[in-house]
């Protein structure tokens, strides 16, 4: 069976992954795969089949092969934020004119392909396309998932156009989610510069966690059969940062970005850690208008890596509340406290 036939047949596989997550591969040692990705750093994209052979040489399992090509993409392709802004501006401008939108999409495809092949710079669609091409070379079905993504600098409402793309990969007879764009590093919207910083949390990311800030146009790619979130749930969710995916396997509450409570009422955090963390390293920074100040939660407990944290608010005000683990910001939400 050829790679392409295998890929297209895979599109009809019933999506049944409820627990597909990074921990499924906890016993796999990715040292060799990662070292191959590093060994061929700065290779050009002039011959993807040949580069794929180099990156997967000596690897015996599909997940190791996928890891090698995924890690290479994340550590060699720079995020072109200026190109992303240009594309979103045009797509929003032409969203009600299908003819002009089609013309722009055609033009943009040529622009983005040139940026990717000649300069190894891309936006999310370039990352997702490249991961799909590498995966097909090694016989691993990999879909591009189009949808919406939320960050601290992104505004999305029900009328917004889709603004992000990521991947679903078929391994061990189930689908897994990856986001090579967000795993690659941090673009600076103000300067347009990009800094490589590999975030392993977006490799086989937990579907429940992904759904908080990734919402696919085709909701089957949530990979959640039971109680999947709605688009409204997604729009109302708190801001999660990239660090969340490195530290947490799930984030339950607070489930919304904005809350209104009465004075002396409490907000409860509950989330699950991927690894053991000292309770003293889990902190809140609260900004009531005079800058963020670290506060000690009134209650915090950790049981089987599930953290429960409670804090009450005894003054009327509007607060930005930031959750930190160690020195890394995890989430942000706001609270309006009434009398």
C-alpha atoms as a PDB file:
ATOM      1  CA  UNK A   1       0.000   0.000   0.000  1.00  0.00           C
ATOM      2  CA  UNK A   2       1.472   3.346  -0.988  1.00  0.00           C
ATOM      3  CA  UNK A   3       1.930   6.199   1.452  1.00  0.00           C
ATOM      4  CA  UNK A   4      -0.711   8.344  -0.245  1.00  0.00           C
ATOM      5  CA  UNK A   5      -3.312   5.544  -0.253  1.00  0.00           C
ATOM      6  CA  UNK A   6      -2.605   4.850   3.411  1.00  0.00           C
ATOM      7  CA  UNK A   7      -3.014   8.548   4.172  1.00  0.00           C
ATOM      8  CA  UNK A   8      -6.346   8.952   2.424  1.00  0.00           C
ATOM      9  CA  UNK A   9      -7.749   5.763   3.915  1.00  0.00           C
ATOM     10  CA  UNK A  10      -6.778   7.060   7.335  1.00  0.00           C
ATOM     11  CA  UNK A  11      -9.082  10.044   6.897  1.00  0.00           C
ATOM     12  CA  UNK A  12     -12.025   7.687   7.218  1.00  0.00           C
ATOM     13  CA  UNK A  13     -10.859   6.065  10.442  1.00  0.00           C
ATOM     14  CA  UNK A  14     -13.336   6.816  13.195  1.00  0.00           C
ATOM     15  CA  UNK A  15     -11.787   9.290  15.585  1.00  0.00           C
ATOM     16  CA  UNK A  16     -11.996   7.470  18.902  1.00  0.00           C
ATOM     17  CA  UNK A  17      -9.090   8.983  20.826  1.00  0.00           C
ATOM     18  CA  UNK A  18     -10.252  10.116  24.235  1.00  0.00           C
ATOM     19  CA  UNK A  19      -7.051   9.587  26.182  1.00  0.00           C
ATOM     20  CA  UNK A  20      -4.514  10.133  23.366  1.00  0.00           C
ATOM     21  CA  UNK A  21      -1.770  12.071  25.090  1.00  0.00           C
ATOM     22  CA  UNK A  22       1.957  12.512  25.566  1.00  0.00           C
ATOM     23  CA  UNK A  23       2.102  10.116  28.522  1.00  0.00           C
ATOM     24  CA  UNK A  24       1.249   7.218  26.170  1.00  0.00           C
ATOM     25  CA  UNK A  25       4.892   7.407  25.068  1.00  0.00           C
ATOM     26  CA  UNK A  26       6.454   7.858  28.508  1.00  0.00           C
ATOM     27  CA  UNK A  27       8.565   4.710  28.081  1.00  0.00           C
ATOM     28  CA  UNK A  28      10.010   5.822  24.720  1.00  0.00           C
ATOM     29  CA  UNK A  29      13.520   7.257  24.783  1.00  0.00           C
ATOM     30  CA  UNK A  30      13.657  10.056  22.211  1.00  0.00           C
ATOM     31  CA  UNK A  31      17.360  10.766  22.735  1.00  0.00           C
ATOM     32  CA  UNK A  32      18.434   9.275  19.387  1.00  0.00           C
ATOM     33  CA  UNK A  33      15.604  10.975  17.483  1.00  0.00           C
ATOM     34  CA  UNK A  34      16.434  14.332  19.060  1.00  0.00           C
ATOM     35  CA  UNK A  35      20.142  13.904  18.352  1.00  0.00           C
ATOM     36  CA  UNK A  36      19.418  13.256  14.667  1.00  0.00           C
ATOM     37  CA  UNK A  37      17.301  16.417  14.508  1.00  0.00           C
ATOM     38  CA  UNK A  38      20.207  18.326  16.029  1.00  0.00           C
ATOM     39  CA  UNK A  39      22.817  16.690  13.775  1.00  0.00           C
ATOM     40  CA  UNK A  40      21.085  17.991  10.648  1.00  0.00           C
ATOM     41  CA  UNK A  41      20.389  21.466  11.943  1.00  0.00           C
ATOM     42  CA  UNK A  42      20.413  24.137   9.210  1.00  0.00           C
ATOM     43  CA  UNK A  43      19.852  21.590   6.424  1.00  0.00           C
ATOM     44  CA  UNK A  44      17.927  23.130   3.542  1.00  0.00           C
ATOM     45  CA  UNK A  45      14.488  22.093   2.295  1.00  0.00           C
ATOM     46  CA  UNK A  46      15.662  21.465  -1.271  1.00  0.00           C
ATOM     47  CA  UNK A  47      15.104  17.693  -0.995  1.00  0.00           C
ATOM     48  CA  UNK A  48      12.563  16.641   1.630  1.00  0.00           C
ATOM     49  CA  UNK A  49      12.732  12.874   0.837  1.00  0.00           C
ATOM     50  CA  UNK A  50      16.512  12.869   1.289  1.00  0.00           C
ATOM     51  CA  UNK A  51      16.357  14.954   4.465  1.00  0.00           C
ATOM     52  CA  UNK A  52      13.686  12.641   5.854  1.00  0.00           C
ATOM     53  CA  UNK A  53      15.943   9.630   5.288  1.00  0.00           C
ATOM     54  CA  UNK A  54      18.758  11.355   7.149  1.00  0.00           C
ATOM     55  CA  UNK A  55      16.538  12.327  10.064  1.00  0.00           C
ATOM     56  CA  UNK A  56      15.051   8.842  10.512  1.00  0.00           C
ATOM     57  CA  UNK A  57      18.164   6.728   9.819  1.00  0.00           C
ATOM     58  CA  UNK A  58      18.446   3.910  12.342  1.00  0.00           C
ATOM     59  CA  UNK A  59      15.146   4.682  14.067  1.00  0.00           C
ATOM     60  CA  UNK A  60      12.881   1.647  14.413  1.00  0.00           C
ATOM     61  CA  UNK A  61       9.513   2.914  15.649  1.00  0.00           C
ATOM     62  CA  UNK A  62       7.069   5.246  13.940  1.00  0.00           C
ATOM     63  CA  UNK A  63       6.845   7.541  16.941  1.00  0.00           C
ATOM     64  CA  UNK A  64      10.646   7.990  17.024  1.00  0.00           C
ATOM     65  CA  UNK A  65      10.681   8.777  13.304  1.00  0.00           C
ATOM     66  CA  UNK A  66       7.850  11.262  13.747  1.00  0.00           C
ATOM     67  CA  UNK A  67       9.638  12.809  16.702  1.00  0.00           C
ATOM     68  CA  UNK A  68      12.814  13.342  14.669  1.00  0.00           C
ATOM     69  CA  UNK A  69      11.082  15.193  11.825  1.00  0.00           C
ATOM     70  CA  UNK A  70       8.841  17.128  14.223  1.00  0.00           C
ATOM     71  CA  UNK A  71      11.793  18.240  16.342  1.00  0.00           C
ATOM     72  CA  UNK A  72      13.753  19.263  13.241  1.00  0.00           C
ATOM     73  CA  UNK A  73      10.892  21.453  12.009  1.00  0.00           C
ATOM     74  CA  UNK A  74      10.413  23.065  15.425  1.00  0.00           C
ATOM     75  CA  UNK A  75      14.101  23.906  15.754  1.00  0.00           C
ATOM     76  CA  UNK A  76      14.832  25.032  12.181  1.00  0.00           C
ATOM     77  CA  UNK A  77      11.755  26.852  10.849  1.00  0.00           C
ATOM     78  CA  UNK A  78      11.317  30.409  12.143  1.00  0.00           C
ATOM     79  CA  UNK A  79       7.883  31.892  12.783  1.00  0.00           C
ATOM     80  CA  UNK A  80       7.233  34.865  10.471  1.00  0.00           C
ATOM     81  CA  UNK A  81       4.827  36.955  12.550  1.00  0.00           C
ATOM     82  CA  UNK A  82       4.762  39.796  10.022  1.00  0.00           C
ATOM     83  CA  UNK A  83       3.574  37.390   7.340  1.00  0.00           C
ATOM     84  CA  UNK A  84       0.911  36.073   9.729  1.00  0.00           C
ATOM     85  CA  UNK A  85      -0.415  39.584  10.390  1.00  0.00           C
ATOM     86  CA  UNK A  86      -0.496  40.361   6.674  1.00  0.00           C
ATOM     87  CA  UNK A  87      -2.461  37.207   5.960  1.00  0.00           C
ATOM     88  CA  UNK A  88      -5.007  37.753   8.746  1.00  0.00           C
ATOM     89  CA  UNK A  89      -5.530  41.374   7.683  1.00  0.00           C
ATOM     90  CA  UNK A  90      -6.295  40.336   4.111  1.00  0.00           C
ATOM     91  CA  UNK A  91      -8.471  37.391   5.123  1.00  0.00           C
ATOM     92  CA  UNK A  92     -10.594  39.534   7.417  1.00  0.00           C
ATOM     93  CA  UNK A  93     -10.774  42.270   4.775  1.00  0.00           C
ATOM     94  CA  UNK A  94     -12.047  39.858   2.114  1.00  0.00           C
ATOM     95  CA  UNK A  95     -14.073  37.468   4.292  1.00  0.00           C
ATOM     96  CA  UNK A  96     -17.336  38.680   2.733  1.00  0.00           C
ATOM     97  CA  UNK A  97     -15.983  38.690  -0.826  1.00  0.00           C
ATOM     98  CA  UNK A  98     -15.321  35.101  -1.857  1.00  0.00           C
ATOM     99  CA  UNK A  99     -13.742  36.055  -5.197  1.00  0.00           C
ATOM    100  CA  UNK A 100     -11.144  38.393  -3.670  1.00  0.00           C
ATOM    101  CA  UNK A 101     -10.514  35.988  -0.812  1.00  0.00           C
ATOM    102  CA  UNK A 102      -9.815  33.190  -3.288  1.00  0.00           C
ATOM    103  CA  UNK A 103      -7.431  35.436  -5.230  1.00  0.00           C
ATOM    104  CA  UNK A 104      -5.598  36.410  -2.048  1.00  0.00           C
ATOM    105  CA  UNK A 105      -5.316  32.807  -0.865  1.00  0.00           C
ATOM    106  CA  UNK A 106      -3.764  31.869  -4.200  1.00  0.00           C
ATOM    107  CA  UNK A 107      -1.301  34.747  -4.029  1.00  0.00           C
ATOM    108  CA  UNK A 108      -0.478  34.088  -0.394  1.00  0.00           C
ATOM    109  CA  UNK A 109       0.215  30.403  -1.062  1.00  0.00           C
ATOM    110  CA  UNK A 110       2.949  31.418  -3.502  1.00  0.00           C
ATOM    111  CA  UNK A 111       4.394  33.972  -1.066  1.00  0.00           C
ATOM    112  CA  UNK A 112       4.411  31.580   1.887  1.00  0.00           C
ATOM    113  CA  UNK A 113       5.876  28.684  -0.125  1.00  0.00           C
ATOM    114  CA  UNK A 114       8.772  30.916  -1.256  1.00  0.00           C
ATOM    115  CA  UNK A 115       9.386  32.077   2.332  1.00  0.00           C
ATOM    116  CA  UNK A 116       9.397  28.481   3.539  1.00  0.00           C
ATOM    117  CA  UNK A 117      11.556  26.921   0.842  1.00  0.00           C
ATOM    118  CA  UNK A 118      14.112  29.721   0.433  1.00  0.00           C
ATOM    119  CA  UNK A 119      14.260  31.355   3.846  1.00  0.00           C
ATOM    120  CA  UNK A 120      12.920  28.611   6.170  1.00  0.00           C
ATOM    121  CA  UNK A 121      10.390  31.048   7.597  1.00  0.00           C
ATOM    122  CA  UNK A 122       6.702  30.238   7.859  1.00  0.00           C
ATOM    123  CA  UNK A 123       3.408  30.877   9.581  1.00  0.00           C
ATOM    124  CA  UNK A 124       1.283  28.121  11.090  1.00  0.00           C
ATOM    125  CA  UNK A 125       0.033  26.745   7.766  1.00  0.00           C
ATOM    126  CA  UNK A 126       3.643  26.343   6.613  1.00  0.00           C
ATOM    127  CA  UNK A 127       4.614  24.444   9.754  1.00  0.00           C
ATOM    128  CA  UNK A 128       1.558  22.184   9.496  1.00  0.00           C
ATOM    129  CA  UNK A 129       2.096  21.563   5.769  1.00  0.00           C
ATOM    130  CA  UNK A 130       5.763  20.731   6.272  1.00  0.00           C
ATOM    131  CA  UNK A 131       5.035  18.293   9.108  1.00  0.00           C
ATOM    132  CA  UNK A 132       2.448  16.592   6.924  1.00  0.00           C
ATOM    133  CA  UNK A 133       4.934  16.232   4.041  1.00  0.00           C
ATOM    134  CA  UNK A 134       7.677  14.785   6.245  1.00  0.00           C
ATOM    135  CA  UNK A 135       5.172  12.391   7.835  1.00  0.00           C
ATOM    136  CA  UNK A 136       3.932  11.123   4.482  1.00  0.00           C
ATOM    137  CA  UNK A 137       7.530  10.398   3.486  1.00  0.00           C
ATOM    138  CA  UNK A 138       7.776   7.955   6.389  1.00  0.00           C
ATOM    139  CA  UNK A 139       4.291   6.488   5.877  1.00  0.00           C
ATOM    140  CA  UNK A 140       2.622   8.138   8.868  1.00  0.00           C
ATOM    141  CA  UNK A 141      -0.825   9.689   8.247  1.00  0.00           C
ATOM    142  CA  UNK A 142      -0.855  13.316   9.340  1.00  0.00           C
ATOM    143  CA  UNK A 143      -3.723  15.777   8.887  1.00  0.00           C
ATOM    144  CA  UNK A 144      -3.626  19.551   8.871  1.00  0.00           C
ATOM    145  CA  UNK A 145      -6.201  20.919  11.317  1.00  0.00           C
ATOM    146  CA  UNK A 146      -7.515  24.409  10.650  1.00  0.00           C
ATOM    147  CA  UNK A 147      -9.206  26.426  13.343  1.00  0.00           C
ATOM    148  CA  UNK A 148      -8.940  29.130  15.975  1.00  0.00           C
ATOM    149  CA  UNK A 149      -6.258  29.755  18.580  1.00  0.00           C
ATOM    150  CA  UNK A 150      -6.237  32.195  21.483  1.00  0.00           C
ATOM    151  CA  UNK A 151      -3.246  33.917  23.055  1.00  0.00           C
ATOM    152  CA  UNK A 152      -2.853  36.899  25.361  1.00  0.00           C
ATOM    153  CA  UNK A 153      -2.520  39.170  22.298  1.00  0.00           C
ATOM    154  CA  UNK A 154      -5.234  37.619  20.106  1.00  0.00           C
ATOM    155  CA  UNK A 155      -8.834  38.791  19.973  1.00  0.00           C
ATOM    156  CA  UNK A 156     -11.394  36.351  18.567  1.00  0.00           C
ATOM    157  CA  UNK A 157     -15.168  36.582  18.423  1.00  0.00           C
ATOM    158  CA  UNK A 158     -17.881  34.509  16.755  1.00  0.00           C
ATOM    159  CA  UNK A 159     -17.415  36.391  13.455  1.00  0.00           C
ATOM    160  CA  UNK A 160     -13.629  36.009  13.253  1.00  0.00           C
ATOM    161  CA  UNK A 161     -11.948  34.022  10.501  1.00  0.00           C
ATOM    162  CA  UNK A 162      -9.937  30.912  11.458  1.00  0.00           C
ATOM    163  CA  UNK A 163      -6.460  32.085  12.476  1.00  0.00           C
ATOM    164  CA  UNK A 164      -4.358  28.980  13.120  1.00  0.00           C
ATOM    165  CA  UNK A 165      -3.389  25.521  11.851  1.00  0.00           C
ATOM    166  CA  UNK A 166      -1.901  22.526  13.639  1.00  0.00           C
ATOM    167  CA  UNK A 167      -1.700  18.748  13.099  1.00  0.00           C
ATOM    168  CA  UNK A 168      -3.260  15.448  14.021  1.00  0.00           C
ATOM    169  CA  UNK A 169      -0.965  12.432  13.580  1.00  0.00           C
ATOM    170  CA  UNK A 170      -1.967   8.747  13.478  1.00  0.00           C
ATOM    171  CA  UNK A 171       0.225   6.592  15.732  1.00  0.00           C
ATOM    172  CA  UNK A 172      -0.502   3.364  17.618  1.00  0.00           C
ATOM    173  CA  UNK A 173      -3.957   3.203  16.010  1.00  0.00           C
ATOM    174  CA  UNK A 174      -5.175   6.533  17.293  1.00  0.00           C
ATOM    175  CA  UNK A 175      -4.880  10.241  16.595  1.00  0.00           C
ATOM    176  CA  UNK A 176      -2.641  12.616  18.532  1.00  0.00           C
ATOM    177  CA  UNK A 177      -2.446  16.411  18.434  1.00  0.00           C
ATOM    178  CA  UNK A 178       0.692  18.464  17.817  1.00  0.00           C
ATOM    179  CA  UNK A 179       1.311  22.157  17.280  1.00  0.00           C
ATOM    180  CA  UNK A 180       4.741  22.632  15.670  1.00  0.00           C
ATOM    181  CA  UNK A 181       4.237  26.407  15.359  1.00  0.00           C
ATOM    182  CA  UNK A 182       3.727  27.048  19.060  1.00  0.00           C
ATOM    183  CA  UNK A 183       6.388  24.462  19.930  1.00  0.00           C
ATOM    184  CA  UNK A 184       9.073  26.250  17.917  1.00  0.00           C
ATOM    185  CA  UNK A 185       9.569  29.440  19.893  1.00  0.00           C
ATOM    186  CA  UNK A 186       8.335  32.934  20.632  1.00  0.00           C
ATOM    187  CA  UNK A 187       7.656  35.686  18.059  1.00  0.00           C
ATOM    188  CA  UNK A 188       7.721  39.278  19.289  1.00  0.00           C
ATOM    189  CA  UNK A 189       4.676  41.090  17.798  1.00  0.00           C
ATOM    190  CA  UNK A 190       6.266  44.501  18.451  1.00  0.00           C
ATOM    191  CA  UNK A 191       9.616  43.916  16.757  1.00  0.00           C
ATOM    192  CA  UNK A 192       8.804  41.035  14.421  1.00  0.00           C
ATOM    193  CA  UNK A 193      11.799  39.084  15.726  1.00  0.00           C
ATOM    194  CA  UNK A 194      11.629  35.396  16.538  1.00  0.00           C
ATOM    195  CA  UNK A 195      13.487  33.421  19.207  1.00  0.00           C
ATOM    196  CA  UNK A 196      13.736  29.639  18.980  1.00  0.00           C
ATOM    197  CA  UNK A 197      12.610  27.942  22.190  1.00  0.00           C
ATOM    198  CA  UNK A 198      11.408  24.356  21.893  1.00  0.00           C
ATOM    199  CA  UNK A 199       8.281  23.621  23.968  1.00  0.00           C
ATOM    200  CA  UNK A 200       7.811  19.860  24.342  1.00  0.00           C
ATOM    201  CA  UNK A 201       4.303  20.329  25.725  1.00  0.00           C
ATOM    202  CA  UNK A 202       2.858  20.660  22.218  1.00  0.00           C
ATOM    203  CA  UNK A 203       4.186  17.238  21.178  1.00  0.00           C
ATOM    204  CA  UNK A 204       1.237  14.820  21.555  1.00  0.00           C
ATOM    205  CA  UNK A 205      -0.582  17.434  23.616  1.00  0.00           C
ATOM    206  CA  UNK A 206      -3.482  16.394  25.816  1.00  0.00           C
ATOM    207  CA  UNK A 207      -6.756  17.006  23.889  1.00  0.00           C
ATOM    208  CA  UNK A 208      -8.597  18.478  26.896  1.00  0.00           C
ATOM    209  CA  UNK A 209      -5.813  20.982  27.445  1.00  0.00           C
ATOM    210  CA  UNK A 210      -5.484  21.806  23.734  1.00  0.00           C
ATOM    211  CA  UNK A 211      -9.225  22.499  23.513  1.00  0.00           C
ATOM    212  CA  UNK A 212      -8.906  25.452  25.883  1.00  0.00           C
ATOM    213  CA  UNK A 213      -6.954  27.521  23.356  1.00  0.00           C
ATOM    214  CA  UNK A 214      -7.264  25.501  20.105  1.00  0.00           C
ATOM    215  CA  UNK A 215     -10.687  25.076  18.499  1.00  0.00           C
ATOM    216  CA  UNK A 216     -10.859  23.262  15.126  1.00  0.00           C
ATOM    217  CA  UNK A 217     -13.321  24.182  12.398  1.00  0.00           C
ATOM    218  CA  UNK A 218     -14.083  20.455  12.112  1.00  0.00           C
ATOM    219  CA  UNK A 219     -14.833  19.577  15.723  1.00  0.00           C
ATOM    220  CA  UNK A 220     -13.972  15.883  15.300  1.00  0.00           C
ATOM    221  CA  UNK A 221     -10.360  17.066  15.685  1.00  0.00           C
ATOM    222  CA  UNK A 222     -11.005  18.046  19.286  1.00  0.00           C
ATOM    223  CA  UNK A 223     -10.541  14.282  19.841  1.00  0.00           C
ATOM    224  CA  UNK A 224     -13.010  14.493  22.717  1.00  0.00           C
ATOM    225  CA  UNK A 225     -16.059  12.244  22.561  1.00  0.00           C
ATOM    226  CA  UNK A 226     -17.456  13.059  25.988  1.00  0.00           C
ATOM    227  CA  UNK A 227     -18.622  16.597  26.764  1.00  0.00           C
ATOM    228  CA  UNK A 228     -16.590  18.388  24.078  1.00  0.00           C
ATOM    229  CA  UNK A 229     -16.441  22.158  24.527  1.00  0.00           C
ATOM    230  CA  UNK A 230     -18.501  24.464  22.345  1.00  0.00           C
ATOM    231  CA  UNK A 231     -17.106  27.427  20.451  1.00  0.00           C
ATOM    232  CA  UNK A 232     -18.662  29.638  23.143  1.00  0.00           C
ATOM    233  CA  UNK A 233     -16.771  27.691  25.823  1.00  0.00           C
ATOM    234  CA  UNK A 234     -13.597  28.296  23.839  1.00  0.00           C
ATOM    235  CA  UNK A 235     -14.230  32.044  23.528  1.00  0.00           C
ATOM    236  CA  UNK A 236     -14.953  32.347  27.254  1.00  0.00           C
ATOM    237  CA  UNK A 237     -11.941  30.303  28.420  1.00  0.00           C
ATOM    238  CA  UNK A 238      -9.037  31.782  30.383  1.00  0.00           C
ATOM    239  CA  UNK A 239      -5.753  32.613  28.684  1.00  0.00           C
ATOM    240  CA  UNK A 240      -3.315  29.700  28.846  1.00  0.00           C
ATOM    241  CA  UNK A 241       0.358  30.264  28.042  1.00  0.00           C
ATOM    242  CA  UNK A 242       2.857  27.908  26.435  1.00  0.00           C
ATOM    243  CA  UNK A 243       4.270  26.995  29.853  1.00  0.00           C
ATOM    244  CA  UNK A 244       0.917  25.395  30.695  1.00  0.00           C
ATOM    245  CA  UNK A 245       1.590  22.585  28.247  1.00  0.00           C
ATOM    246  CA  UNK A 246       4.961  21.814  29.808  1.00  0.00           C
ATOM    247  CA  UNK A 247       3.700  21.757  33.392  1.00  0.00           C
ATOM    248  CA  UNK A 248       0.081  20.553  33.213  1.00  0.00           C
ATOM    249  CA  UNK A 249      -1.802  17.598  31.777  1.00  0.00           C
ATOM    250  CA  UNK A 250      -5.204  19.153  32.495  1.00  0.00           C
ATOM    251  CA  UNK A 251      -6.712  22.466  33.586  1.00  0.00           C
ATOM    252  CA  UNK A 252     -10.216  22.336  35.060  1.00  0.00           C
ATOM    253  CA  UNK A 253     -10.965  25.642  36.785  1.00  0.00           C
ATOM    254  CA  UNK A 254     -11.368  28.583  36.583  1.00  0.00           C
ATOM    255  CA  UNK A 255     -13.106  27.675  33.320  1.00  0.00           C
ATOM    256  CA  UNK A 256     -13.690  31.247  32.147  1.00  0.00           C
ATOM    257  CA  UNK A 257     -11.621  34.325  31.448  1.00  0.00           C
ATOM    258  CA  UNK A 258     -13.986  36.781  33.182  1.00  0.00           C
ATOM    259  CA  UNK A 259     -15.762  36.402  36.520  1.00  0.00           C
ATOM    260  CA  UNK A 260     -17.948  38.636  38.632  1.00  0.00           C
ATOM    261  CA  UNK A 261     -18.196  37.775  42.322  1.00  0.00           C
ATOM    262  CA  UNK A 262     -19.308  39.318  45.611  1.00  0.00           C
ATOM    263  CA  UNK A 263     -16.862  40.565  48.213  1.00  0.00           C
ATOM    264  CA  UNK A 264     -15.322  37.737  50.281  1.00  0.00           C
ATOM    265  CA  UNK A 265     -16.263  35.131  47.681  1.00  0.00           C
ATOM    266  CA  UNK A 266     -13.568  32.674  46.569  1.00  0.00           C
ATOM    267  CA  UNK A 267     -12.107  31.534  43.294  1.00  0.00           C
ATOM    268  CA  UNK A 268     -11.016  27.893  43.078  1.00  0.00           C
ATOM    269  CA  UNK A 269      -8.225  26.632  40.850  1.00  0.00           C
ATOM    270  CA  UNK A 270      -7.963  22.954  40.019  1.00  0.00           C
ATOM    271  CA  UNK A 271      -5.455  21.454  37.587  1.00  0.00           C
ATOM    272  CA  UNK A 272      -3.296  18.358  37.155  1.00  0.00           C
ATOM    273  CA  UNK A 273       0.495  18.457  37.086  1.00  0.00           C
ATOM    274  CA  UNK A 274       2.627  16.405  34.708  1.00  0.00           C
ATOM    275  CA  UNK A 275       5.401  16.184  37.270  1.00  0.00           C
ATOM    276  CA  UNK A 276       5.835  16.783  40.972  1.00  0.00           C
ATOM    277  CA  UNK A 277       6.029  20.445  42.002  1.00  0.00           C
ATOM    278  CA  UNK A 278       6.534  21.933  45.460  1.00  0.00           C
ATOM    279  CA  UNK A 279       3.372  23.694  46.636  1.00  0.00           C
ATOM    280  CA  UNK A 280       5.513  26.732  47.549  1.00  0.00           C
ATOM    281  CA  UNK A 281       6.314  27.140  43.854  1.00  0.00           C
ATOM    282  CA  UNK A 282       2.629  27.553  42.900  1.00  0.00           C
ATOM    283  CA  UNK A 283       1.798  31.246  43.246  1.00  0.00           C
ATOM    284  CA  UNK A 284      -0.736  33.912  42.378  1.00  0.00           C
ATOM    285  CA  UNK A 285       0.071  37.411  41.186  1.00  0.00           C
ATOM    286  CA  UNK A 286      -2.904  39.768  41.463  1.00  0.00           C
ATOM    287  CA  UNK A 287      -3.122  43.210  39.896  1.00  0.00           C
ATOM    288  CA  UNK A 288      -5.835  45.503  41.229  1.00  0.00           C
ATOM    289  CA  UNK A 289      -4.641  48.511  39.232  1.00  0.00           C
ATOM    290  CA  UNK A 290      -1.335  49.264  40.939  1.00  0.00           C
ATOM    291  CA  UNK A 291       0.773  46.543  39.381  1.00  0.00           C
ATOM    292  CA  UNK A 292       0.883  42.799  40.074  1.00  0.00           C
ATOM    293  CA  UNK A 293       1.612  41.677  43.636  1.00  0.00           C
ATOM    294  CA  UNK A 294       2.374  38.157  44.781  1.00  0.00           C
ATOM    295  CA  UNK A 295      -0.222  36.822  47.218  1.00  0.00           C
ATOM    296  CA  UNK A 296      -0.290  33.686  49.310  1.00  0.00           C
ATOM    297  CA  UNK A 297      -3.304  31.498  48.487  1.00  0.00           C
ATOM    298  CA  UNK A 298      -5.552  30.812  51.474  1.00  0.00           C
ATOM    299  CA  UNK A 299      -5.570  27.118  50.713  1.00  0.00           C
ATOM    300  CA  UNK A 300      -3.494  24.852  48.490  1.00  0.00           C
ATOM    301  CA  UNK A 301      -3.349  21.057  48.370  1.00  0.00           C
ATOM    302  CA  UNK A 302      -1.777  18.502  46.043  1.00  0.00           C
ATOM    303  CA  UNK A 303      -3.190  14.980  45.844  1.00  0.00           C
ATOM    304  CA  UNK A 304      -2.059  12.540  43.137  1.00  0.00           C
ATOM    305  CA  UNK A 305      -0.643  15.508  41.208  1.00  0.00           C
ATOM    306  CA  UNK A 306      -4.041  17.267  41.239  1.00  0.00           C
ATOM    307  CA  UNK A 307      -3.741  20.767  42.676  1.00  0.00           C
ATOM    308  CA  UNK A 308      -6.603  22.568  44.405  1.00  0.00           C
ATOM    309  CA  UNK A 309      -5.998  26.222  45.213  1.00  0.00           C
ATOM    310  CA  UNK A 310      -8.464  28.655  46.795  1.00  0.00           C
ATOM    311  CA  UNK A 311      -8.284  32.417  47.217  1.00  0.00           C
ATOM    312  CA  UNK A 312     -10.926  34.938  48.297  1.00  0.00           C
ATOM    313  CA  UNK A 313     -11.246  38.643  47.480  1.00  0.00           C
ATOM    314  CA  UNK A 314     -12.278  41.039  50.245  1.00  0.00           C
ATOM    315  CA  UNK A 315     -12.099  44.373  48.420  1.00  0.00           C
ATOM    316  CA  UNK A 316     -14.262  45.782  45.666  1.00  0.00           C
ATOM    317  CA  UNK A 317     -12.156  46.187  42.516  1.00  0.00           C
ATOM    318  CA  UNK A 318     -11.317  44.770  39.107  1.00  0.00           C
ATOM    319  CA  UNK A 319      -8.429  42.294  39.203  1.00  0.00           C
ATOM    320  CA  UNK A 320      -6.114  40.599  36.721  1.00  0.00           C
ATOM    321  CA  UNK A 321      -5.140  37.264  38.267  1.00  0.00           C
ATOM    322  CA  UNK A 322      -2.078  35.375  37.035  1.00  0.00           C
ATOM    323  CA  UNK A 323      -1.183  31.822  38.039  1.00  0.00           C
ATOM    324  CA  UNK A 324       2.522  30.986  38.150  1.00  0.00           C
ATOM    325  CA  UNK A 325       4.386  27.725  38.660  1.00  0.00           C
ATOM    326  CA  UNK A 326       7.991  28.369  39.658  1.00  0.00           C
ATOM    327  CA  UNK A 327       8.910  31.426  37.539  1.00  0.00           C
ATOM    328  CA  UNK A 328       6.591  30.628  34.634  1.00  0.00           C
ATOM    329  CA  UNK A 329       3.183  32.140  33.941  1.00  0.00           C
ATOM    330  CA  UNK A 330       0.481  29.510  33.409  1.00  0.00           C
ATOM    331  CA  UNK A 331      -2.848  31.311  33.060  1.00  0.00           C
ATOM    332  CA  UNK A 332      -4.629  34.643  33.320  1.00  0.00           C
ATOM    333  CA  UNK A 333      -8.214  35.562  34.095  1.00  0.00           C
ATOM    334  CA  UNK A 334     -10.038  38.620  35.416  1.00  0.00           C
ATOM    335  CA  UNK A 335     -12.313  39.119  38.413  1.00  0.00           C
ATOM    336  CA  UNK A 336     -14.708  41.955  39.099  1.00  0.00           C
ATOM    337  CA  UNK A 337     -15.556  42.093  42.796  1.00  0.00           C
ATOM    338  CA  UNK A 338     -18.819  43.779  43.804  1.00  0.00           C
ATOM    339  CA  UNK A 339     -19.693  45.119  47.247  1.00  0.00           C
END
